[in-house]
C-alpha cells in the first residue's frame, strides 16, 4: 500500500498558525483536491475542526486521544496512527493531511510525500517534519511562480522512500 503525506510547508517548514494556513494558494488547493478525492484522508482532530465541513468525496479518519469525540456521521474516529492505518487497508493510497504532530507520527510509515514548498518563511505554531535526504528521493518537481492569484511562488515536490 502507498501511504502519502500531503502538505504545503514554507521554507522554514511552517504549516500554519492558530489552526489555520498562513497563505492562500488556489492552485495548490485544486491539486490537493485532485490527489485526495476518492481516498481516505487521515488527520488530527484540530485539522478536522479547521474545516467548515467534511471535504467531499473523501473518507475522513480523525485521530484524537478523546475517546468520547463525536466527529459526526460517516467520520471514522481512532486513537492512534496505527489504528488510522488499519482503517484504510482497503485504500491503495490513503493520504495523511496533518497537522504537524500527525505528520511526525506517520512519517516512518509513509512511502511518499507530496510537498508544496512555499517559497517564503512564516511565523507558525505547526511545522512539517524535516525530510531526511538519506531516506527520501525527489522524483518530481514543478515550480509555480508568484502571480495575480498567488502571493508566493511555490514548488510541488514529490518524494518516494528510498
C-alpha atoms as a PDB file:
ATOM      1  CA  UNK A   1       0.000   0.000   0.000  1.00  0.00           C
ATOM      2  CA  UNK A   2       1.152   3.508  -0.849  1.00  0.00           C
ATOM      3  CA  UNK A   3       0.863   5.938   2.095  1.00  0.00           C
ATOM      4  CA  UNK A   4       1.326   9.586   1.150  1.00  0.00           C
ATOM      5  CA  UNK A   5       1.892  12.597   3.366  1.00  0.00           C
ATOM      6  CA  UNK A   6       0.473  15.652   1.599  1.00  0.00           C
ATOM      7  CA  UNK A   7       1.264  19.137   2.871  1.00  0.00           C
ATOM      8  CA  UNK A   8       2.107  22.709   1.979  1.00  0.00           C
ATOM      9  CA  UNK A   9       5.038  23.941   4.045  1.00  0.00           C
ATOM     10  CA  UNK A  10       7.149  27.091   3.956  1.00  0.00           C
ATOM     11  CA  UNK A  11      10.926  27.192   3.619  1.00  0.00           C
ATOM     12  CA  UNK A  12      11.132  27.013   7.436  1.00  0.00           C
ATOM     13  CA  UNK A  13       8.680  24.020   7.391  1.00  0.00           C
ATOM     14  CA  UNK A  14       5.860  26.214   8.754  1.00  0.00           C
ATOM     15  CA  UNK A  15       2.431  24.671   8.162  1.00  0.00           C
ATOM     16  CA  UNK A  16       0.170  27.118   9.893  1.00  0.00           C
ATOM     17  CA  UNK A  17      -0.668  29.235  12.908  1.00  0.00           C
ATOM     18  CA  UNK A  18      -3.677  29.154  15.225  1.00  0.00           C
ATOM     19  CA  UNK A  19      -5.073  26.145  13.338  1.00  0.00           C
ATOM     20  CA  UNK A  20      -5.132  27.959  10.005  1.00  0.00           C
ATOM     21  CA  UNK A  21      -2.937  28.257   6.923  1.00  0.00           C
ATOM     22  CA  UNK A  22      -0.882  31.437   6.644  1.00  0.00           C
ATOM     23  CA  UNK A  23      -1.153  31.657   2.838  1.00  0.00           C
ATOM     24  CA  UNK A  24      -3.791  31.209   0.137  1.00  0.00           C
ATOM     25  CA  UNK A  25      -2.700  29.219  -2.929  1.00  0.00           C
ATOM     26  CA  UNK A  26      -5.733  28.327  -5.089  1.00  0.00           C
ATOM     27  CA  UNK A  27      -3.769  26.061  -7.467  1.00  0.00           C
ATOM     28  CA  UNK A  28      -2.412  24.096  -4.509  1.00  0.00           C
ATOM     29  CA  UNK A  29      -5.966  23.609  -3.187  1.00  0.00           C
ATOM     30  CA  UNK A  30      -7.001  22.288  -6.621  1.00  0.00           C
ATOM     31  CA  UNK A  31      -4.077  19.862  -6.660  1.00  0.00           C
ATOM     32  CA  UNK A  32      -4.881  18.701  -3.116  1.00  0.00           C
ATOM     33  CA  UNK A  33      -8.495  18.051  -4.140  1.00  0.00           C
ATOM     34  CA  UNK A  34      -7.470  16.196  -7.305  1.00  0.00           C
ATOM     35  CA  UNK A  35      -4.966  13.954  -5.490  1.00  0.00           C
ATOM     36  CA  UNK A  36      -7.027  13.162  -2.386  1.00  0.00           C
ATOM     37  CA  UNK A  37     -10.514  12.785  -3.876  1.00  0.00           C
ATOM     38  CA  UNK A  38     -11.913   9.247  -3.585  1.00  0.00           C
ATOM     39  CA  UNK A  39      -9.288   8.313  -0.983  1.00  0.00           C
ATOM     40  CA  UNK A  40      -9.104   8.121   2.797  1.00  0.00           C
ATOM     41  CA  UNK A  41      -7.611  11.210   4.445  1.00  0.00           C
ATOM     42  CA  UNK A  42      -6.012  10.852   7.866  1.00  0.00           C
ATOM     43  CA  UNK A  43      -5.803  13.891  10.111  1.00  0.00           C
ATOM     44  CA  UNK A  44      -5.666  15.058  13.680  1.00  0.00           C
ATOM     45  CA  UNK A  45      -8.691  16.479  15.460  1.00  0.00           C
ATOM     46  CA  UNK A  46      -7.546  20.105  15.166  1.00  0.00           C
ATOM     47  CA  UNK A  47      -7.062  19.775  11.406  1.00  0.00           C
ATOM     48  CA  UNK A  48     -10.521  18.216  11.096  1.00  0.00           C
ATOM     49  CA  UNK A  49     -12.058  21.021  13.159  1.00  0.00           C
ATOM     50  CA  UNK A  50     -10.408  23.648  10.929  1.00  0.00           C
ATOM     51  CA  UNK A  51     -12.687  22.613   8.022  1.00  0.00           C
ATOM     52  CA  UNK A  52     -16.087  24.311   7.738  1.00  0.00           C
ATOM     53  CA  UNK A  53     -17.495  20.870   6.860  1.00  0.00           C
ATOM     54  CA  UNK A  54     -16.047  17.487   5.833  1.00  0.00           C
ATOM     55  CA  UNK A  55     -14.333  17.521   2.457  1.00  0.00           C
ATOM     56  CA  UNK A  56     -16.459  15.931  -0.278  1.00  0.00           C
ATOM     57  CA  UNK A  57     -15.603  12.622  -1.963  1.00  0.00           C
ATOM     58  CA  UNK A  58     -13.152  11.546   0.757  1.00  0.00           C
ATOM     59  CA  UNK A  59     -13.360   9.242   3.762  1.00  0.00           C
ATOM     60  CA  UNK A  60     -12.180  11.118   6.867  1.00  0.00           C
ATOM     61  CA  UNK A  61     -10.154   9.398   9.592  1.00  0.00           C
ATOM     62  CA  UNK A  62      -9.672  11.604  12.665  1.00  0.00           C
ATOM     63  CA  UNK A  63      -7.034  10.791  15.279  1.00  0.00           C
ATOM     64  CA  UNK A  64      -7.774  12.005  18.801  1.00  0.00           C
ATOM     65  CA  UNK A  65      -6.987  10.951  22.363  1.00  0.00           C
ATOM     66  CA  UNK A  66     -10.578  11.818  23.341  1.00  0.00           C
ATOM     67  CA  UNK A  67     -12.482   8.510  23.320  1.00  0.00           C
ATOM     68  CA  UNK A  68     -15.787  10.432  23.556  1.00  0.00           C
ATOM     69  CA  UNK A  69     -15.092  12.591  20.479  1.00  0.00           C
ATOM     70  CA  UNK A  70     -18.050  12.771  18.094  1.00  0.00           C
ATOM     71  CA  UNK A  71     -16.930  13.917  14.644  1.00  0.00           C
ATOM     72  CA  UNK A  72     -20.313  13.362  13.049  1.00  0.00           C
ATOM     73  CA  UNK A  73     -21.874  10.820  10.769  1.00  0.00           C
ATOM     74  CA  UNK A  74     -19.538   8.988   8.394  1.00  0.00           C
ATOM     75  CA  UNK A  75     -16.332  10.180  10.076  1.00  0.00           C
ATOM     76  CA  UNK A  76     -14.072   7.439  11.461  1.00  0.00           C
ATOM     77  CA  UNK A  77     -12.509   8.359  14.814  1.00  0.00           C
ATOM     78  CA  UNK A  78      -9.423   6.483  16.057  1.00  0.00           C
ATOM     79  CA  UNK A  79      -6.891   6.937  18.849  1.00  0.00           C
ATOM     80  CA  UNK A  80      -3.557   6.287  17.079  1.00  0.00           C
ATOM     81  CA  UNK A  81      -1.757   6.409  13.751  1.00  0.00           C
ATOM     82  CA  UNK A  82      -1.690   2.588  13.747  1.00  0.00           C
ATOM     83  CA  UNK A  83      -5.472   2.430  14.164  1.00  0.00           C
ATOM     84  CA  UNK A  84      -5.835   5.003  11.370  1.00  0.00           C
ATOM     85  CA  UNK A  85      -3.677   2.906   9.039  1.00  0.00           C
ATOM     86  CA  UNK A  86      -5.664  -0.224   9.956  1.00  0.00           C
ATOM     87  CA  UNK A  87      -8.839   1.655   8.965  1.00  0.00           C
ATOM     88  CA  UNK A  88      -7.507   2.438   5.461  1.00  0.00           C
ATOM     89  CA  UNK A  89      -6.430  -1.062   4.432  1.00  0.00           C
ATOM     90  CA  UNK A  90      -8.895  -1.127   1.522  1.00  0.00           C
ATOM     91  CA  UNK A  91      -7.471   2.109   0.026  1.00  0.00           C
ATOM     92  CA  UNK A  92      -4.451   1.690  -2.260  1.00  0.00           C
ATOM     93  CA  UNK A  93      -3.280   5.239  -1.493  1.00  0.00           C
ATOM     94  CA  UNK A  94      -4.517   6.945   1.675  1.00  0.00           C
ATOM     95  CA  UNK A  95      -3.288  10.467   2.405  1.00  0.00           C
ATOM     96  CA  UNK A  96      -2.093  11.908   5.699  1.00  0.00           C
ATOM     97  CA  UNK A  97      -3.135  15.577   5.648  1.00  0.00           C
ATOM     98  CA  UNK A  98      -1.908  16.901   9.015  1.00  0.00           C
ATOM     99  CA  UNK A  99      -1.310  18.574  11.247  1.00  0.00           C
ATOM    100  CA  UNK A 100       2.287  18.749  12.360  1.00  0.00           C
ATOM    101  CA  UNK A 101       2.098  16.079  15.063  1.00  0.00           C
ATOM    102  CA  UNK A 102       0.238  13.655  12.799  1.00  0.00           C
ATOM    103  CA  UNK A 103       2.850  14.097  10.057  1.00  0.00           C
ATOM    104  CA  UNK A 104       5.578  13.254  12.590  1.00  0.00           C
ATOM    105  CA  UNK A 105       3.675  10.153  13.725  1.00  0.00           C
ATOM    106  CA  UNK A 106       3.084   8.962  10.150  1.00  0.00           C
ATOM    107  CA  UNK A 107       6.499   9.764   8.666  1.00  0.00           C
ATOM    108  CA  UNK A 108       8.012   6.338   9.394  1.00  0.00           C
ATOM    109  CA  UNK A 109       5.110   4.509   7.711  1.00  0.00           C
ATOM    110  CA  UNK A 110       4.863   6.835   4.704  1.00  0.00           C
ATOM    111  CA  UNK A 111       6.029   5.667   1.290  1.00  0.00           C
ATOM    112  CA  UNK A 112       5.578   9.026  -0.496  1.00  0.00           C
ATOM    113  CA  UNK A 113       5.434  12.736   0.256  1.00  0.00           C
ATOM    114  CA  UNK A 114       3.585  15.310  -1.848  1.00  0.00           C
ATOM    115  CA  UNK A 115       5.002  18.568  -0.536  1.00  0.00           C
ATOM    116  CA  UNK A 116       4.146  22.022  -1.782  1.00  0.00           C
ATOM    117  CA  UNK A 117       7.156  24.099  -0.759  1.00  0.00           C
ATOM    118  CA  UNK A 118       6.015  27.702  -0.306  1.00  0.00           C
ATOM    119  CA  UNK A 119       8.965  29.980  -1.094  1.00  0.00           C
ATOM    120  CA  UNK A 120       8.875  32.181   1.975  1.00  0.00           C
ATOM    121  CA  UNK A 121       9.164  31.783   5.752  1.00  0.00           C
ATOM    122  CA  UNK A 122       6.374  32.361   8.219  1.00  0.00           C
ATOM    123  CA  UNK A 123       5.739  32.597  11.932  1.00  0.00           C
ATOM    124  CA  UNK A 124       3.901  29.389  12.826  1.00  0.00           C
ATOM    125  CA  UNK A 125       2.940  27.015  15.603  1.00  0.00           C
ATOM    126  CA  UNK A 126       2.735  23.863  13.455  1.00  0.00           C
ATOM    127  CA  UNK A 127       5.616  22.524  11.367  1.00  0.00           C
ATOM    128  CA  UNK A 128       6.247  19.772   8.826  1.00  0.00           C
ATOM    129  CA  UNK A 129       8.984  17.339   9.914  1.00  0.00           C
ATOM    130  CA  UNK A 130      12.442  17.576   8.337  1.00  0.00           C
ATOM    131  CA  UNK A 131      12.835  15.388   5.255  1.00  0.00           C
ATOM    132  CA  UNK A 132      15.974  13.278   5.617  1.00  0.00           C
ATOM    133  CA  UNK A 133      17.555  13.156   2.149  1.00  0.00           C
ATOM    134  CA  UNK A 134      19.045   9.730   3.013  1.00  0.00           C
ATOM    135  CA  UNK A 135      15.527   8.288   3.354  1.00  0.00           C
ATOM    136  CA  UNK A 136      13.752  10.129   0.539  1.00  0.00           C
ATOM    137  CA  UNK A 137      14.386  10.600  -3.163  1.00  0.00           C
ATOM    138  CA  UNK A 138      12.984  13.619  -5.013  1.00  0.00           C
ATOM    139  CA  UNK A 139      11.211  12.100  -8.041  1.00  0.00           C
ATOM    140  CA  UNK A 140       9.272  15.094  -9.423  1.00  0.00           C
ATOM    141  CA  UNK A 141       9.465  18.874  -9.115  1.00  0.00           C
ATOM    142  CA  UNK A 142       7.228  21.562 -10.630  1.00  0.00           C
ATOM    143  CA  UNK A 143       7.728  25.276  -9.987  1.00  0.00           C
ATOM    144  CA  UNK A 144       4.761  27.682  -9.820  1.00  0.00           C
ATOM    145  CA  UNK A 145       5.631  31.406  -9.927  1.00  0.00           C
ATOM    146  CA  UNK A 146       4.010  34.124  -7.881  1.00  0.00           C
ATOM    147  CA  UNK A 147       1.143  35.625  -9.883  1.00  0.00           C
ATOM    148  CA  UNK A 148      -2.054  37.654  -9.511  1.00  0.00           C
ATOM    149  CA  UNK A 149      -3.793  34.759  -7.695  1.00  0.00           C
ATOM    150  CA  UNK A 150      -0.812  33.550  -5.638  1.00  0.00           C
ATOM    151  CA  UNK A 151       1.086  35.860  -3.280  1.00  0.00           C
ATOM    152  CA  UNK A 152       4.009  33.425  -3.083  1.00  0.00           C
ATOM    153  CA  UNK A 153       5.922  31.284  -5.537  1.00  0.00           C
ATOM    154  CA  UNK A 154       5.886  27.582  -4.682  1.00  0.00           C
ATOM    155  CA  UNK A 155       7.167  24.242  -5.928  1.00  0.00           C
ATOM    156  CA  UNK A 156       5.382  20.889  -5.953  1.00  0.00           C
ATOM    157  CA  UNK A 157       7.875  18.287  -4.702  1.00  0.00           C
ATOM    158  CA  UNK A 158       7.171  14.557  -4.927  1.00  0.00           C
ATOM    159  CA  UNK A 159       9.323  12.252  -2.824  1.00  0.00           C
ATOM    160  CA  UNK A 160       9.482   8.462  -2.724  1.00  0.00           C
ATOM    161  CA  UNK A 161      11.062   6.497   0.104  1.00  0.00           C
ATOM    162  CA  UNK A 162      14.488   5.137  -0.886  1.00  0.00           C
END
